[in-house]
Amino acid sequence: MNIQIFGTKKCFDTKKAERYFKERRIPFQRIDLLDKGMSRGELQNVCRAVGGLDALLDDACRDQDTLALVRYLTEDAKLDKVLENPQILKTPIVRNGRQATVGYLPEVWKTWA
């Protein structure tokens, strides 16, 4: 298993996801979305795994203006705008190869083992 957890330092669900994998002694790589972000290819792979970019967008984010703008752009422009503004993504984004989840979903992670 090659687990990657994309999240932010202040996100409680990201902390819960890290604790879930630590308690089970499953190694993971933590990536801060605001510091390092995701590459375009990573974002596209996660979008495919979770059913599209709209599943990744956080309706309750603080930056509602950017979120509204992203909803009306073309697909390529959406990806670029999301990469520039990762604060509009739901967290944690947990990847295991081609599989991915958005949010705290231990019931799905159990099936990965």
N, C-alpha and C. Protein backbone atom coordinates (compact mmCIF):
# COMPACT_ATOMS: atom_id res chain seq x y z
N MET A 1 0.83 -1.18 0.00
CA MET A 1 0.00 0.00 0.00
C MET A 1 0.88 1.24 0.00
N ASN A 2 0.51 2.20 -0.82
CA ASN A 2 1.23 3.46 -0.91
C ASN A 2 0.23 4.59 -0.66
N ILE A 3 0.02 4.92 0.60
CA ILE A 3 -1.01 5.88 0.99
C ILE A 3 -0.45 7.30 0.97
N GLN A 4 -1.19 8.20 0.36
CA GLN A 4 -0.89 9.62 0.39
C GLN A 4 -2.10 10.33 0.97
N ILE A 5 -1.87 11.23 1.94
CA ILE A 5 -2.95 12.00 2.54
C ILE A 5 -2.70 13.47 2.21
N PHE A 6 -3.59 14.04 1.40
CA PHE A 6 -3.53 15.46 1.07
C PHE A 6 -4.50 16.18 1.99
N GLY A 7 -4.00 17.17 2.72
CA GLY A 7 -4.87 17.91 3.64
C GLY A 7 -4.19 19.18 4.10
N THR A 8 -4.77 19.78 5.13
CA THR A 8 -4.21 20.99 5.71
C THR A 8 -3.93 20.76 7.19
N LYS A 9 -3.10 21.61 7.76
CA LYS A 9 -2.70 21.46 9.15
C LYS A 9 -3.88 21.64 10.11
N LYS A 10 -4.85 22.48 9.74
CA LYS A 10 -5.95 22.80 10.63
C LYS A 10 -7.18 21.91 10.45
N CYS A 11 -7.16 21.01 9.50
CA CYS A 11 -8.32 20.18 9.20
C CYS A 11 -8.39 18.99 10.16
N PHE A 12 -9.49 18.91 10.92
CA PHE A 12 -9.64 17.83 11.90
C PHE A 12 -9.83 16.48 11.22
N ASP A 13 -10.51 16.43 10.08
CA ASP A 13 -10.68 15.15 9.38
C ASP A 13 -9.35 14.63 8.84
N THR A 14 -8.46 15.53 8.45
CA THR A 14 -7.13 15.12 8.01
C THR A 14 -6.37 14.50 9.18
N LYS A 15 -6.47 15.12 10.34
CA LYS A 15 -5.81 14.58 11.53
C LYS A 15 -6.38 13.22 11.91
N LYS A 16 -7.70 13.07 11.77
CA LYS A 16 -8.34 11.78 12.07
C LYS A 16 -7.86 10.71 11.09
N ALA A 17 -7.71 11.08 9.81
CA ALA A 17 -7.24 10.12 8.81
C ALA A 17 -5.80 9.69 9.12
N GLU A 18 -4.96 10.64 9.50
CA GLU A 18 -3.58 10.30 9.87
C GLU A 18 -3.57 9.36 11.07
N ARG A 19 -4.39 9.66 12.06
CA ARG A 19 -4.45 8.81 13.25
C ARG A 19 -4.95 7.40 12.89
N TYR A 20 -5.92 7.30 11.98
CA TYR A 20 -6.44 6.01 11.54
C TYR A 20 -5.30 5.14 11.00
N PHE A 21 -4.47 5.69 10.12
CA PHE A 21 -3.40 4.91 9.52
C PHE A 21 -2.25 4.65 10.51
N LYS A 22 -1.98 5.60 11.40
CA LYS A 22 -0.94 5.40 12.42
C LYS A 22 -1.32 4.26 13.36
N GLU A 23 -2.58 4.23 13.81
CA GLU A 23 -3.04 3.20 14.73
C GLU A 23 -2.93 1.81 14.11
N ARG A 24 -3.04 1.71 12.82
CA ARG A 24 -2.96 0.42 12.13
C ARG A 24 -1.57 0.15 11.58
N ARG A 25 -0.64 1.03 11.91
CA ARG A 25 0.76 0.93 11.48
C ARG A 25 0.89 0.80 9.97
N ILE A 26 0.07 1.57 9.28
CA ILE A 26 0.13 1.63 7.81
C ILE A 26 0.91 2.90 7.45
N PRO A 27 2.04 2.75 6.78
CA PRO A 27 2.83 3.95 6.43
C PRO A 27 2.08 4.82 5.42
N PHE A 28 2.23 6.12 5.58
CA PHE A 28 1.59 7.06 4.68
C PHE A 28 2.48 8.28 4.50
N GLN A 29 2.20 9.01 3.45
CA GLN A 29 2.89 10.26 3.17
C GLN A 29 1.88 11.38 3.32
N ARG A 30 2.19 12.38 4.15
CA ARG A 30 1.30 13.51 4.36
C ARG A 30 1.77 14.67 3.49
N ILE A 31 0.84 15.25 2.73
CA ILE A 31 1.15 16.36 1.85
C ILE A 31 0.22 17.52 2.19
N ASP A 32 0.80 18.65 2.56
CA ASP A 32 0.00 19.83 2.90
C ASP A 32 -0.43 20.50 1.60
N LEU A 33 -1.74 20.59 1.38
CA LEU A 33 -2.26 21.18 0.15
C LEU A 33 -1.88 22.64 0.00
N LEU A 34 -1.83 23.38 1.09
CA LEU A 34 -1.55 24.81 1.00
C LEU A 34 -0.07 25.09 0.77
N ASP A 35 0.82 24.22 1.28
CA ASP A 35 2.26 24.41 1.08
C ASP A 35 2.73 23.84 -0.25
N LYS A 36 2.44 22.56 -0.47
CA LYS A 36 2.98 21.87 -1.63
C LYS A 36 1.95 21.70 -2.74
N GLY A 37 0.72 21.43 -2.38
CA GLY A 37 -0.33 21.25 -3.38
C GLY A 37 -0.25 19.92 -4.10
N MET A 38 -1.06 19.80 -5.13
CA MET A 38 -1.09 18.60 -5.96
C MET A 38 -0.61 18.97 -7.36
N SER A 39 -0.04 18.00 -8.04
CA SER A 39 0.31 18.23 -9.43
C SER A 39 -0.95 18.07 -10.28
N ARG A 40 -0.88 18.53 -11.50
CA ARG A 40 -2.04 18.43 -12.40
C ARG A 40 -2.42 16.96 -12.62
N GLY A 41 -1.42 16.10 -12.82
CA GLY A 41 -1.67 14.68 -13.03
C GLY A 41 -2.31 14.01 -11.82
N GLU A 42 -1.84 14.36 -10.62
CA GLU A 42 -2.43 13.81 -9.40
C GLU A 42 -3.89 14.22 -9.28
N LEU A 43 -4.16 15.49 -9.54
CA LEU A 43 -5.53 15.98 -9.44
C LEU A 43 -6.43 15.29 -10.46
N GLN A 44 -5.96 15.09 -11.66
CA GLN A 44 -6.75 14.40 -12.67
C GLN A 44 -7.03 12.95 -12.28
N ASN A 45 -6.03 12.26 -11.72
CA ASN A 45 -6.22 10.88 -11.28
C ASN A 45 -7.24 10.79 -10.15
N VAL A 46 -7.15 11.72 -9.20
CA VAL A 46 -8.10 11.73 -8.09
C VAL A 46 -9.50 12.03 -8.61
N CYS A 47 -9.63 12.96 -9.54
CA CYS A 47 -10.93 13.28 -10.13
C CYS A 47 -11.56 12.05 -10.77
N ARG A 48 -10.76 11.28 -11.50
CA ARG A 48 -11.26 10.04 -12.13
C ARG A 48 -11.72 9.04 -11.08
N ALA A 49 -10.97 8.95 -9.99
CA ALA A 49 -11.28 7.95 -8.96
C ALA A 49 -12.53 8.30 -8.15
N VAL A 50 -12.80 9.58 -7.95
CA VAL A 50 -13.93 9.98 -7.10
C VAL A 50 -15.15 10.42 -7.89
N GLY A 51 -15.06 10.44 -9.21
CA GLY A 51 -16.23 10.77 -10.01
C GLY A 51 -16.30 12.20 -10.50
N GLY A 52 -15.18 12.84 -10.65
CA GLY A 52 -15.16 14.19 -11.21
C GLY A 52 -14.73 15.26 -10.23
N LEU A 53 -14.44 16.41 -10.78
CA LEU A 53 -13.94 17.53 -9.98
C LEU A 53 -14.97 18.05 -9.00
N ASP A 54 -16.24 17.99 -9.37
CA ASP A 54 -17.29 18.52 -8.47
C ASP A 54 -17.33 17.77 -7.15
N ALA A 55 -16.95 16.49 -7.14
CA ALA A 55 -16.92 15.73 -5.89
C ALA A 55 -15.81 16.21 -4.96
N LEU A 56 -14.82 16.89 -5.50
CA LEU A 56 -13.69 17.38 -4.71
C LEU A 56 -13.92 18.78 -4.13
N LEU A 57 -14.86 19.52 -4.69
CA LEU A 57 -15.06 20.90 -4.26
C LEU A 57 -15.83 20.95 -2.94
N ASP A 58 -15.37 21.83 -2.06
CA ASP A 58 -15.97 21.98 -0.73
C ASP A 58 -16.98 23.13 -0.74
N ASP A 59 -18.25 22.79 -0.68
CA ASP A 59 -19.30 23.82 -0.70
C ASP A 59 -19.26 24.73 0.51
N ALA A 60 -18.63 24.29 1.59
CA ALA A 60 -18.56 25.08 2.82
C ALA A 60 -17.24 25.82 2.98
N CYS A 61 -16.44 25.92 1.92
CA CYS A 61 -15.14 26.59 2.04
C CYS A 61 -15.33 28.09 2.26
N ARG A 62 -14.28 28.72 2.77
CA ARG A 62 -14.35 30.16 3.05
C ARG A 62 -14.30 31.01 1.80
N ASP A 63 -13.64 30.52 0.77
CA ASP A 63 -13.46 31.29 -0.46
C ASP A 63 -14.60 31.00 -1.44
N GLN A 64 -15.78 31.48 -1.13
CA GLN A 64 -16.97 31.22 -1.95
C GLN A 64 -16.89 31.88 -3.33
N ASP A 65 -16.19 32.99 -3.44
CA ASP A 65 -16.06 33.66 -4.74
C ASP A 65 -15.30 32.79 -5.74
N THR A 66 -14.19 32.23 -5.30
CA THR A 66 -13.40 31.35 -6.18
C THR A 66 -14.19 30.10 -6.51
N LEU A 67 -14.89 29.55 -5.53
CA LEU A 67 -15.70 28.35 -5.75
C LEU A 67 -16.76 28.61 -6.81
N ALA A 68 -17.43 29.75 -6.73
CA ALA A 68 -18.45 30.11 -7.72
C ALA A 68 -17.83 30.27 -9.11
N LEU A 69 -16.66 30.87 -9.17
CA LEU A 69 -15.97 31.05 -10.45
C LEU A 69 -15.62 29.70 -11.07
N VAL A 70 -15.11 28.78 -10.26
CA VAL A 70 -14.69 27.47 -10.76
C VAL A 70 -15.87 26.72 -11.37
N ARG A 71 -17.04 26.85 -10.80
CA ARG A 71 -18.21 26.13 -11.30
C ARG A 71 -18.61 26.55 -12.72
N TYR A 72 -18.21 27.74 -13.16
CA TYR A 72 -18.62 28.23 -14.48
C TYR A 72 -17.51 28.22 -15.52
N LEU A 73 -16.36 27.68 -15.20
CA LEU A 73 -15.25 27.62 -16.15
C LEU A 73 -15.29 26.34 -16.96
N THR A 74 -14.51 26.29 -18.05
CA THR A 74 -14.37 25.05 -18.82
C THR A 74 -13.53 24.07 -18.00
N GLU A 75 -13.53 22.80 -18.40
CA GLU A 75 -12.86 21.77 -17.62
C GLU A 75 -11.37 22.05 -17.41
N ASP A 76 -10.65 22.42 -18.47
CA ASP A 76 -9.22 22.71 -18.34
C ASP A 76 -8.97 23.92 -17.46
N ALA A 77 -9.79 24.94 -17.62
CA ALA A 77 -9.64 26.15 -16.81
C ALA A 77 -9.99 25.85 -15.34
N LYS A 78 -10.95 24.94 -15.13
CA LYS A 78 -11.30 24.55 -13.76
C LYS A 78 -10.10 23.95 -13.04
N LEU A 79 -9.43 23.01 -13.72
CA LEU A 79 -8.26 22.37 -13.11
C LEU A 79 -7.19 23.38 -12.75
N ASP A 80 -6.92 24.30 -13.66
CA ASP A 80 -5.90 25.32 -13.39
C ASP A 80 -6.29 26.18 -12.19
N LYS A 81 -7.54 26.59 -12.13
CA LYS A 81 -8.00 27.45 -11.04
C LYS A 81 -7.97 26.71 -9.70
N VAL A 82 -8.32 25.43 -9.71
CA VAL A 82 -8.27 24.63 -8.48
C VAL A 82 -6.83 24.44 -8.03
N LEU A 83 -5.92 24.22 -8.97
CA LEU A 83 -4.51 24.08 -8.61
C LEU A 83 -3.95 25.37 -8.01
N GLU A 84 -4.44 26.51 -8.48
CA GLU A 84 -4.02 27.80 -7.92
C GLU A 84 -4.64 28.07 -6.55
N ASN A 85 -5.82 27.48 -6.30
CA ASN A 85 -6.58 27.75 -5.07
C ASN A 85 -6.98 26.44 -4.39
N PRO A 86 -6.04 25.70 -3.81
CA PRO A 86 -6.38 24.40 -3.22
C PRO A 86 -7.27 24.50 -1.98
N GLN A 87 -7.48 25.71 -1.46
CA GLN A 87 -8.32 25.86 -0.27
C GLN A 87 -9.79 25.57 -0.56
N ILE A 88 -10.18 25.41 -1.83
CA ILE A 88 -11.57 25.11 -2.14
C ILE A 88 -11.83 23.61 -2.25
N LEU A 89 -10.81 22.78 -1.98
CA LEU A 89 -10.97 21.34 -2.02
C LEU A 89 -11.39 20.79 -0.66
N LYS A 90 -12.21 19.72 -0.68
CA LYS A 90 -12.54 19.01 0.54
C LYS A 90 -11.30 18.24 0.99
N THR A 91 -11.14 18.12 2.28
CA THR A 91 -10.00 17.35 2.80
C THR A 91 -10.49 16.37 3.84
N PRO A 92 -9.79 15.29 4.07
CA PRO A 92 -8.56 14.86 3.39
C PRO A 92 -8.87 14.16 2.07
N ILE A 93 -7.92 14.25 1.18
CA ILE A 93 -7.95 13.45 -0.04
C ILE A 93 -6.93 12.35 0.18
N VAL A 94 -7.40 11.11 0.21
CA VAL A 94 -6.54 9.96 0.52
C VAL A 94 -6.41 9.12 -0.74
N ARG A 95 -5.15 8.90 -1.15
CA ARG A 95 -4.87 8.12 -2.36
C ARG A 95 -4.14 6.84 -2.02
N ASN A 96 -4.51 5.79 -2.73
CA ASN A 96 -3.79 4.52 -2.68
C ASN A 96 -3.68 4.03 -4.11
N GLY A 97 -2.61 4.41 -4.77
CA GLY A 97 -2.46 4.07 -6.19
C GLY A 97 -3.52 4.76 -7.02
N ARG A 98 -4.36 3.98 -7.70
CA ARG A 98 -5.42 4.57 -8.53
C ARG A 98 -6.71 4.79 -7.76
N GLN A 99 -6.77 4.30 -6.54
CA GLN A 99 -7.95 4.51 -5.71
C GLN A 99 -7.81 5.80 -4.92
N ALA A 100 -8.93 6.45 -4.65
CA ALA A 100 -8.90 7.69 -3.88
C ALA A 100 -10.24 7.91 -3.19
N THR A 101 -10.18 8.63 -2.07
CA THR A 101 -11.40 9.04 -1.37
C THR A 101 -11.28 10.51 -1.00
N VAL A 102 -12.42 11.12 -0.75
CA VAL A 102 -12.46 12.51 -0.30
C VAL A 102 -13.24 12.52 1.00
N GLY A 103 -12.61 13.03 2.05
CA GLY A 103 -13.23 13.05 3.36
C GLY A 103 -12.76 11.89 4.22
N TYR A 104 -13.30 11.81 5.42
CA TYR A 104 -12.92 10.76 6.37
C TYR A 104 -13.79 9.54 6.11
N LEU A 105 -13.23 8.50 5.47
CA LEU A 105 -13.98 7.31 5.07
C LEU A 105 -13.27 6.02 5.45
N PRO A 106 -13.17 5.71 6.76
CA PRO A 106 -12.45 4.49 7.17
C PRO A 106 -13.08 3.21 6.64
N GLU A 107 -14.39 3.21 6.39
CA GLU A 107 -15.03 2.00 5.86
C GLU A 107 -14.51 1.64 4.47
N VAL A 108 -14.10 2.64 3.69
CA VAL A 108 -13.51 2.38 2.37
C VAL A 108 -12.05 1.97 2.54
N TRP A 109 -11.34 2.63 3.44
CA TRP A 109 -9.91 2.35 3.63
C TRP A 109 -9.69 0.92 4.12
N LYS A 110 -10.65 0.36 4.86
CA LYS A 110 -10.52 -1.03 5.33
C LYS A 110 -10.43 -2.00 4.16
N THR A 111 -11.11 -1.70 3.07
CA THR A 111 -11.10 -2.59 1.92
C THR A 111 -9.80 -2.53 1.14
N TRP A 112 -8.97 -1.52 1.39
CA TRP A 112 -7.70 -1.38 0.70
C TRP A 112 -6.64 -2.32 1.23
N ALA A 113 -6.79 -2.81 2.45
CA ALA A 113 -5.75 -3.64 3.08
C ALA A 113 -5.68 -5.03 2.51
